[in-house]
Amino acid sequence: MKRKTGYDAAIQYGGKLISRCTVADSEAITALMEQCGNSAARVLREYTYFSPEQKSIFEKIAAVQAGQNRTEPGDPASLFAPPKKSPWGEIQACDTLCPGVFMVTAPDHGGTMVSKDIAAFLSPAAKKCGFRQDGYICFEENTQENVALRELLDKKLWNIPDRIKDRAAFEENINKSLRQYNPDYWRARQAGLEHAAARHTAPPVHIAER
């Protein structure tokens, strides 16, 4: 039996459109969420046999849920408390780009550190560009950090700061760096955008929140 390629449903969570999908995928996703206590992170841990489209949706929901469940800023028990050390040396400055994602500056270097508890939002291609250390996926500032920034912008988890006057030029510099230093990631991202553009408009399927 041929798999249906059109998108005739969608997934919403927390009032946000997560992704377009088929009715079959929406039913499977809803069922798995119910089986795992409405925890997308648990689905990703306990199940491996789902499509790349389903996996992407679960990763996006997990990122939203992780942001909703964080403790108050400054709480040392918080999953998203700023890192105390970096792969590049003693941390001199640390900016929070979004919950669990930190841009750090060390004496001679720096980069962006993504907590493993929020890393579900990263695409597989992006994860390959970073390295793991002390519970973070790390992207060094010279050639890899723009991968993390591109992912944050694409997922609407971070906005270009107001202090950047020419935002279009700033974003194009990110893209230019990716094309030069991370061509495999760039090709994977572009392929994903083309796939998304082919989706059809459809009524969304809501996943209940608890």
C-alpha atoms as a PDB file:
ATOM      1  CA  MET A   1       0.000   0.000   0.000  1.00  0.00           C
ATOM      2  CA  LYS A   2       1.401   3.355  -1.019  1.00  0.00           C
ATOM      3  CA  ARG A   3       2.012   5.855   1.766  1.00  0.00           C
ATOM      4  CA  LYS A   4      -0.025   9.022   1.455  1.00  0.00           C
ATOM      5  CA  THR A   5       2.253  11.986   0.789  1.00  0.00           C
ATOM      6  CA  GLY A   6      -0.189  14.876   1.265  1.00  0.00           C
ATOM      7  CA  TYR A   7      -0.595  16.600   4.616  1.00  0.00           C
ATOM      8  CA  ASP A   8      -4.184  16.623   5.802  1.00  0.00           C
ATOM      9  CA  ALA A   9      -3.718  17.304   9.530  1.00  0.00           C
ATOM     10  CA  ALA A  10      -1.499  19.239  11.895  1.00  0.00           C
ATOM     11  CA  ILE A  11      -0.204  19.099  15.463  1.00  0.00           C
ATOM     12  CA  GLN A  12      -0.636  21.957  17.928  1.00  0.00           C
ATOM     13  CA  TYR A  13       0.748  22.129  21.444  1.00  0.00           C
ATOM     14  CA  GLY A  14       0.631  24.977  23.938  1.00  0.00           C
ATOM     15  CA  GLY A  15      -1.321  27.098  21.488  1.00  0.00           C
ATOM     16  CA  LYS A  16       1.424  26.841  18.861  1.00  0.00           C
ATOM     17  CA  LEU A  17       1.490  25.054  15.523  1.00  0.00           C
ATOM     18  CA  ILE A  18       4.155  22.373  15.831  1.00  0.00           C
ATOM     19  CA  SER A  19       3.979  20.811  12.370  1.00  0.00           C
ATOM     20  CA  ARG A  20       1.783  19.760   9.474  1.00  0.00           C
ATOM     21  CA  CYS A  21       1.359  15.999   9.144  1.00  0.00           C
ATOM     22  CA  THR A  22      -0.904  13.231   7.904  1.00  0.00           C
ATOM     23  CA  VAL A  23      -3.957  12.068   9.838  1.00  0.00           C
ATOM     24  CA  ALA A  24      -2.204   8.731  10.417  1.00  0.00           C
ATOM     25  CA  ASP A  25       0.807  10.480  11.935  1.00  0.00           C
ATOM     26  CA  SER A  26      -1.362  12.710  14.122  1.00  0.00           C
ATOM     27  CA  GLU A  27      -3.200   9.663  15.482  1.00  0.00           C
ATOM     28  CA  ALA A  28       0.066   7.820  16.156  1.00  0.00           C
ATOM     29  CA  ILE A  29       1.616  10.852  17.875  1.00  0.00           C
ATOM     30  CA  THR A  30      -1.442  11.392  20.078  1.00  0.00           C
ATOM     31  CA  ALA A  31      -1.497   7.708  21.056  1.00  0.00           C
ATOM     32  CA  LEU A  32       2.212   7.654  21.970  1.00  0.00           C
ATOM     33  CA  MET A  33       1.869  10.843  24.024  1.00  0.00           C
ATOM     34  CA  GLU A  34      -1.016   9.290  25.967  1.00  0.00           C
ATOM     35  CA  GLN A  35       0.989   6.107  26.585  1.00  0.00           C
ATOM     36  CA  CYS A  36       3.913   8.136  27.958  1.00  0.00           C
ATOM     37  CA  GLY A  37       1.988  10.420  30.294  1.00  0.00           C
ATOM     38  CA  ASN A  38       1.984  13.294  27.773  1.00  0.00           C
ATOM     39  CA  SER A  39       5.790  13.531  27.938  1.00  0.00           C
ATOM     40  CA  ALA A  40       7.434  13.932  24.524  1.00  0.00           C
ATOM     41  CA  ALA A  41      10.888  13.444  26.051  1.00  0.00           C
ATOM     42  CA  ARG A  42       9.735  10.076  27.415  1.00  0.00           C
ATOM     43  CA  VAL A  43       8.454   9.061  23.977  1.00  0.00           C
ATOM     44  CA  LEU A  44      11.867   9.865  22.496  1.00  0.00           C
ATOM     45  CA  ARG A  45      13.591   7.811  25.203  1.00  0.00           C
ATOM     46  CA  GLU A  46      11.337   4.771  25.099  1.00  0.00           C
ATOM     47  CA  TYR A  47      10.460   4.439  21.413  1.00  0.00           C
ATOM     48  CA  THR A  48      12.683   4.218  18.353  1.00  0.00           C
ATOM     49  CA  TYR A  49      10.330   2.994  15.642  1.00  0.00           C
ATOM     50  CA  PHE A  50       8.737   6.135  14.270  1.00  0.00           C
ATOM     51  CA  SER A  51       9.241   8.141  11.105  1.00  0.00           C
ATOM     52  CA  PRO A  52      11.631  11.102  10.800  1.00  0.00           C
ATOM     53  CA  GLU A  53       8.568  13.370  10.578  1.00  0.00           C
ATOM     54  CA  GLN A  54       7.142  11.989  13.825  1.00  0.00           C
ATOM     55  CA  LYS A  55      10.537  12.233  15.547  1.00  0.00           C
ATOM     56  CA  SER A  56      10.832  15.894  14.546  1.00  0.00           C
ATOM     57  CA  ILE A  57       7.389  16.646  16.004  1.00  0.00           C
ATOM     58  CA  PHE A  58       8.220  14.907  19.293  1.00  0.00           C
ATOM     59  CA  GLU A  59      11.483  16.866  19.521  1.00  0.00           C
ATOM     60  CA  LYS A  60       9.642  20.170  19.065  1.00  0.00           C
ATOM     61  CA  ILE A  61       7.013  19.284  21.686  1.00  0.00           C
ATOM     62  CA  ALA A  62       9.767  18.180  24.089  1.00  0.00           C
ATOM     63  CA  ALA A  63      11.448  21.571  23.704  1.00  0.00           C
ATOM     64  CA  VAL A  64       8.186  23.383  24.459  1.00  0.00           C
ATOM     65  CA  GLN A  65       7.502  21.165  27.477  1.00  0.00           C
ATOM     66  CA  ALA A  66      11.023  21.644  28.799  1.00  0.00           C
ATOM     67  CA  GLY A  67      10.575  25.411  28.664  1.00  0.00           C
ATOM     68  CA  GLN A  68       7.236  25.203  30.465  1.00  0.00           C
ATOM     69  CA  ASN A  69       8.618  22.999  33.233  1.00  0.00           C
ATOM     70  CA  ARG A  70      11.738  24.966  34.092  1.00  0.00           C
ATOM     71  CA  THR A  71      12.128  26.294  37.596  1.00  0.00           C
ATOM     72  CA  GLU A  72      12.557  29.961  38.457  1.00  0.00           C
ATOM     73  CA  PRO A  73      15.638  31.694  37.014  1.00  0.00           C
ATOM     74  CA  GLY A  74      18.541  31.648  39.448  1.00  0.00           C
ATOM     75  CA  ASP A  75      17.378  28.460  41.194  1.00  0.00           C
ATOM     76  CA  PRO A  76      20.537  26.302  41.391  1.00  0.00           C
ATOM     77  CA  ALA A  77      18.356  23.218  40.991  1.00  0.00           C
ATOM     78  CA  SER A  78      17.013  24.468  37.691  1.00  0.00           C
ATOM     79  CA  LEU A  79      17.674  22.307  34.655  1.00  0.00           C
ATOM     80  CA  PHE A  80      18.441  25.558  32.883  1.00  0.00           C
ATOM     81  CA  ALA A  81      20.739  27.207  35.400  1.00  0.00           C
ATOM     82  CA  PRO A  82      23.743  28.822  33.653  1.00  0.00           C
ATOM     83  CA  PRO A  83      26.784  26.555  33.241  1.00  0.00           C
ATOM     84  CA  LYS A  84      29.530  26.900  35.839  1.00  0.00           C
ATOM     85  CA  LYS A  85      32.319  26.000  33.441  1.00  0.00           C
ATOM     86  CA  SER A  86      32.882  25.841  29.711  1.00  0.00           C
ATOM     87  CA  PRO A  87      35.056  23.807  27.329  1.00  0.00           C
ATOM     88  CA  TRP A  88      36.908  27.026  26.539  1.00  0.00           C
ATOM     89  CA  GLY A  89      37.963  27.981  30.050  1.00  0.00           C
ATOM     90  CA  GLU A  90      36.633  30.064  32.910  1.00  0.00           C
ATOM     91  CA  ILE A  91      33.351  31.759  32.031  1.00  0.00           C
ATOM     92  CA  GLN A  92      33.632  35.554  32.055  1.00  0.00           C
ATOM     93  CA  ALA A  93      30.186  36.337  30.639  1.00  0.00           C
ATOM     94  CA  CYS A  94      27.081  34.262  29.987  1.00  0.00           C
ATOM     95  CA  ASP A  95      23.979  35.345  28.056  1.00  0.00           C
ATOM     96  CA  THR A  96      20.822  33.213  28.058  1.00  0.00           C
ATOM     97  CA  LEU A  97      19.506  33.010  24.484  1.00  0.00           C
ATOM     98  CA  CYS A  98      16.494  30.915  25.553  1.00  0.00           C
ATOM     99  CA  PRO A  99      15.904  28.477  28.435  1.00  0.00           C
ATOM    100  CA  GLY A 100      18.782  26.009  28.431  1.00  0.00           C
ATOM    101  CA  VAL A 101      20.851  27.739  25.732  1.00  0.00           C
ATOM    102  CA  PHE A 102      23.781  29.928  26.785  1.00  0.00           C
ATOM    103  CA  MET A 103      26.288  32.036  24.868  1.00  0.00           C
ATOM    104  CA  VAL A 104      29.445  32.075  26.964  1.00  0.00           C
ATOM    105  CA  THR A 105      32.638  34.079  26.790  1.00  0.00           C
ATOM    106  CA  ALA A 106      35.954  32.800  28.139  1.00  0.00           C
ATOM    107  CA  PRO A 107      39.318  34.632  28.263  1.00  0.00           C
ATOM    108  CA  ASP A 108      40.432  33.667  24.765  1.00  0.00           C
ATOM    109  CA  HIS A 109      37.440  31.945  23.224  1.00  0.00           C
ATOM    110  CA  GLY A 110      33.785  31.032  23.692  1.00  0.00           C
ATOM    111  CA  GLY A 111      30.709  29.558  22.129  1.00  0.00           C
ATOM    112  CA  THR A 112      27.125  28.474  22.685  1.00  0.00           C
ATOM    113  CA  MET A 113      26.194  25.671  25.070  1.00  0.00           C
ATOM    114  CA  VAL A 114      22.871  23.829  24.728  1.00  0.00           C
ATOM    115  CA  SER A 115      21.685  21.863  27.768  1.00  0.00           C
ATOM    116  CA  LYS A 116      21.007  18.198  27.029  1.00  0.00           C
ATOM    117  CA  ASP A 117      17.550  18.740  28.568  1.00  0.00           C
ATOM    118  CA  ILE A 118      16.587  21.198  25.812  1.00  0.00           C
ATOM    119  CA  ALA A 119      18.662  19.710  22.963  1.00  0.00           C
ATOM    120  CA  ALA A 120      15.609  17.925  21.550  1.00  0.00           C
ATOM    121  CA  PHE A 121      14.890  21.036  19.464  1.00  0.00           C
ATOM    122  CA  LEU A 122      18.174  20.605  17.580  1.00  0.00           C
ATOM    123  CA  SER A 123      17.974  18.841  14.246  1.00  0.00           C
ATOM    124  CA  PRO A 124      20.119  15.712  13.757  1.00  0.00           C
ATOM    125  CA  ALA A 125      22.295  17.673  11.310  1.00  0.00           C
ATOM    126  CA  ALA A 126      22.851  20.410  13.910  1.00  0.00           C
ATOM    127  CA  LYS A 127      23.803  17.957  16.644  1.00  0.00           C
ATOM    128  CA  LYS A 128      26.547  16.583  14.391  1.00  0.00           C
ATOM    129  CA  CYS A 129      28.143  20.050  14.282  1.00  0.00           C
ATOM    130  CA  GLY A 130      28.576  20.324  18.042  1.00  0.00           C
ATOM    131  CA  PHE A 131      30.424  18.274  20.656  1.00  0.00           C
ATOM    132  CA  ARG A 132      29.180  16.943  23.993  1.00  0.00           C
ATOM    133  CA  GLN A 133      30.708  17.932  27.297  1.00  0.00           C
ATOM    134  CA  ASP A 134      29.423  18.150  30.884  1.00  0.00           C
ATOM    135  CA  GLY A 135      25.769  17.728  29.951  1.00  0.00           C
ATOM    136  CA  TYR A 136      25.813  20.217  27.065  1.00  0.00           C
ATOM    137  CA  ILE A 137      26.097  20.171  23.295  1.00  0.00           C
ATOM    138  CA  CYS A 138      28.707  22.841  22.608  1.00  0.00           C
ATOM    139  CA  PHE A 139      29.220  24.962  19.493  1.00  0.00           C
ATOM    140  CA  GLU A 140      32.464  26.923  19.364  1.00  0.00           C
ATOM    141  CA  GLU A 141      32.156  30.541  18.320  1.00  0.00           C
ATOM    142  CA  ASN A 142      34.338  30.642  15.200  1.00  0.00           C
ATOM    143  CA  THR A 143      32.596  28.201  12.878  1.00  0.00           C
ATOM    144  CA  GLN A 144      29.939  26.195  14.752  1.00  0.00           C
ATOM    145  CA  GLU A 145      28.009  28.724  16.832  1.00  0.00           C
ATOM    146  CA  ASN A 146      26.001  29.912  13.847  1.00  0.00           C
ATOM    147  CA  VAL A 147      24.490  26.425  13.586  1.00  0.00           C
ATOM    148  CA  ALA A 148      22.926  26.900  17.020  1.00  0.00           C
ATOM    149  CA  LEU A 149      21.787  30.442  16.172  1.00  0.00           C
ATOM    150  CA  ARG A 150      20.205  29.280  12.908  1.00  0.00           C
ATOM    151  CA  GLU A 151      18.320  26.527  14.748  1.00  0.00           C
ATOM    152  CA  LEU A 152      17.047  28.977  17.370  1.00  0.00           C
ATOM    153  CA  LEU A 153      15.867  31.414  14.722  1.00  0.00           C
ATOM    154  CA  ASP A 154      14.178  28.695  12.665  1.00  0.00           C
ATOM    155  CA  LYS A 155      12.328  27.347  15.706  1.00  0.00           C
ATOM    156  CA  LYS A 156      11.445  30.911  16.839  1.00  0.00           C
ATOM    157  CA  LEU A 157      13.123  30.300  20.187  1.00  0.00           C
ATOM    158  CA  TRP A 158      15.344  33.382  19.882  1.00  0.00           C
ATOM    159  CA  ASN A 159      15.098  36.763  18.187  1.00  0.00           C
ATOM    160  CA  ILE A 160      17.959  38.840  16.828  1.00  0.00           C
ATOM    161  CA  PRO A 161      18.685  41.453  19.548  1.00  0.00           C
ATOM    162  CA  ASP A 162      17.370  44.982  19.107  1.00  0.00           C
ATOM    163  CA  ARG A 163      20.925  46.302  19.279  1.00  0.00           C
ATOM    164  CA  ILE A 164      21.527  44.766  15.828  1.00  0.00           C
ATOM    165  CA  LYS A 165      20.327  47.493  13.484  1.00  0.00           C
ATOM    166  CA  ASP A 166      20.550  45.568  10.198  1.00  0.00           C
ATOM    167  CA  ARG A 167      18.903  42.270  11.091  1.00  0.00           C
ATOM    168  CA  ALA A 168      18.721  41.067   7.501  1.00  0.00           C
ATOM    169  CA  ALA A 169      22.490  41.486   7.107  1.00  0.00           C
ATOM    170  CA  PHE A 170      23.083  39.758  10.438  1.00  0.00           C
ATOM    171  CA  GLU A 171      20.988  36.772   9.374  1.00  0.00           C
ATOM    172  CA  GLU A 172      22.659  36.613   5.969  1.00  0.00           C
ATOM    173  CA  ASN A 173      26.074  36.560   7.679  1.00  0.00           C
ATOM    174  CA  ILE A 174      24.883  33.522   9.654  1.00  0.00           C
ATOM    175  CA  ASN A 175      23.770  31.826   6.440  1.00  0.00           C
ATOM    176  CA  LYS A 176      26.988  32.707   4.635  1.00  0.00           C
ATOM    177  CA  SER A 177      29.041  31.193   7.447  1.00  0.00           C
ATOM    178  CA  LEU A 178      26.942  28.026   7.358  1.00  0.00           C
ATOM    179  CA  ARG A 179      27.350  27.635   3.613  1.00  0.00           C
ATOM    180  CA  GLN A 180      31.117  28.018   3.993  1.00  0.00           C
ATOM    181  CA  TYR A 181      31.912  26.058   7.142  1.00  0.00           C
ATOM    182  CA  ASN A 182      28.945  23.700   7.548  1.00  0.00           C
ATOM    183  CA  PRO A 183      27.755  22.816   4.020  1.00  0.00           C
ATOM    184  CA  ASP A 184      26.269  19.452   5.061  1.00  0.00           C
ATOM    185  CA  TYR A 185      24.152  21.145   7.715  1.00  0.00           C
ATOM    186  CA  TRP A 186      23.101  23.853   5.264  1.00  0.00           C
ATOM    187  CA  ARG A 187      21.990  21.304   2.662  1.00  0.00           C
ATOM    188  CA  ALA A 188      20.010  19.375   5.282  1.00  0.00           C
ATOM    189  CA  ARG A 189      18.303  22.584   6.467  1.00  0.00           C
ATOM    190  CA  GLN A 190      17.410  23.653   2.930  1.00  0.00           C
ATOM    191  CA  ALA A 191      15.983  20.224   2.163  1.00  0.00           C
ATOM    192  CA  GLY A 192      13.848  20.482   5.302  1.00  0.00           C
ATOM    193  CA  LEU A 193      12.550  23.907   4.286  1.00  0.00           C
ATOM    194  CA  GLU A 194      11.630  22.632   0.821  1.00  0.00           C
ATOM    195  CA  HIS A 195       9.795  19.711   2.404  1.00  0.00           C
ATOM    196  CA  ALA A 196       7.891  22.041   4.732  1.00  0.00           C
ATOM    197  CA  ALA A 197       6.932  24.339   1.859  1.00  0.00           C
ATOM    198  CA  ALA A 198       5.246  21.416   0.125  1.00  0.00           C
ATOM    199  CA  ARG A 199       2.827  20.798   2.983  1.00  0.00           C
ATOM    200  CA  HIS A 200      -0.834  21.545   2.545  1.00  0.00           C
ATOM    201  CA  THR A 201      -2.943  23.749   4.801  1.00  0.00           C
ATOM    202  CA  ALA A 202      -5.155  21.638   7.070  1.00  0.00           C
ATOM    203  CA  PRO A 203      -7.152  21.850  10.352  1.00  0.00           C
ATOM    204  CA  PRO A 204      -4.820  21.298  13.327  1.00  0.00           C
ATOM    205  CA  VAL A 205      -4.985  18.390  15.744  1.00  0.00           C
ATOM    206  CA  HIS A 206      -4.536  19.519  19.355  1.00  0.00           C
ATOM    207  CA  ILE A 207      -2.575  17.521  21.908  1.00  0.00           C
ATOM    208  CA  ALA A 208      -3.989  17.899  25.404  1.00  0.00           C
ATOM    209  CA  GLU A 209      -1.768  19.515  28.037  1.00  0.00           C
ATOM    210  CA  ARG A 210      -1.589  18.341  31.641  1.00  0.00           C
END
